[in-house]
Each structure stands twice: as C-alpha cells, then as structure tokens.
Amino acid sequence: MKAKGKQEIARCAGVSVNTLNRWLKPYQQELKALGMQRNARLLPPKVVIYIAEKFCIDL
C-alpha cells in the first residue's frame, strides 16, 4: 500500500472529502498515533490501511 490523498480515498468510498473528514473525526487519536497530521491531504500508508479496513473501502 502506498500513500494516498483524501480525495482519492473519498472517491473510492463514493463520498465527498467533507464526509470522509466527518467519518474520521471520532478516530483522531488512533489516526494521530499512526502518523496522520491534522490537516494532511496526503495520508501515510498505515493510515490508508486503517481507514480502508475501518470503513470497508476497496482501494
């Protein structure tokens, strides 16, 4: 898995970036521990894997 942008992840999930951000809000502590910066557009591979597994997104 490689780093991906929020736009790309949102497109794969079929939602807007704003909706994706709302989905991620309750998981900020876990995402921060995995290396995600607060306003990052490009997400590290560990974060991409976490989001894909948590929300069942086929990347």
Protein backbone atom coordinates (compact mmCIF):
# COMPACT_ATOMS: atom_id res chain seq x y z
CA MET A 1 0.00 0.00 0.00
CA LYS A 2 1.26 3.47 -0.79
CA ALA A 3 0.35 6.93 0.47
CA LYS A 4 -2.93 8.26 -0.90
CA GLY A 5 -4.74 11.55 -0.81
CA LYS A 6 -8.02 12.13 0.99
CA GLN A 7 -9.63 12.99 -2.34
CA GLU A 8 -8.71 9.59 -3.78
CA ILE A 9 -9.94 7.71 -0.69
CA ALA A 10 -13.20 9.68 -0.67
CA ARG A 11 -13.73 8.92 -4.37
CA CYS A 12 -13.23 5.18 -3.75
CA ALA A 13 -15.76 5.35 -0.90
CA GLY A 14 -18.23 7.28 -3.05
CA VAL A 15 -18.39 10.30 -0.72
CA SER A 16 -17.05 13.85 -0.59
CA VAL A 17 -13.88 14.80 1.27
CA ASN A 18 -16.02 16.65 3.83
CA THR A 19 -17.98 13.47 4.54
CA LEU A 20 -14.75 11.48 4.84
CA ASN A 21 -13.44 14.03 7.34
CA ARG A 22 -16.64 13.69 9.38
CA TRP A 23 -16.23 9.90 9.36
CA LEU A 24 -12.64 10.23 10.60
CA LYS A 25 -13.34 12.75 13.36
CA PRO A 26 -14.14 10.18 16.11
CA TYR A 27 -10.89 8.33 15.32
CA GLN A 28 -8.47 11.28 15.54
CA GLN A 29 -6.44 9.77 18.41
CA GLU A 30 -5.86 6.48 16.58
CA LEU A 31 -5.03 8.26 13.33
CA LYS A 32 -2.60 10.60 15.06
CA ALA A 33 -0.85 7.60 16.63
CA LEU A 34 -0.48 6.10 13.14
CA GLY A 35 1.19 9.27 11.86
CA MET A 36 -1.59 11.37 10.36
CA GLN A 37 -1.16 15.12 10.62
CA ARG A 38 -4.23 17.22 11.45
CA ASN A 39 -4.78 18.87 8.04
CA ALA A 40 -2.85 16.43 5.88
CA ARG A 41 -4.02 15.86 2.34
CA LEU A 42 -1.62 13.00 1.65
CA LEU A 43 -2.04 10.18 4.15
CA PRO A 44 0.73 7.73 5.11
CA PRO A 45 0.29 4.05 4.15
CA LYS A 46 -0.53 2.92 7.72
CA VAL A 47 -3.37 5.47 7.89
CA VAL A 48 -4.68 4.45 4.46
CA ILE A 49 -4.80 0.79 5.54
CA TYR A 50 -6.55 1.71 8.81
CA ILE A 51 -9.22 3.78 7.02
CA ALA A 52 -9.78 1.12 4.34
CA GLU A 53 -10.26 -1.61 6.96
CA LYS A 54 -12.33 0.51 9.36
CA PHE A 55 -14.82 1.70 6.73
CA CYS A 56 -14.63 -1.30 4.34
CA ILE A 57 -13.34 0.77 1.42
CA ASP A 58 -11.93 -1.17 -1.51
CA LEU A 59 -8.78 0.68 -2.57
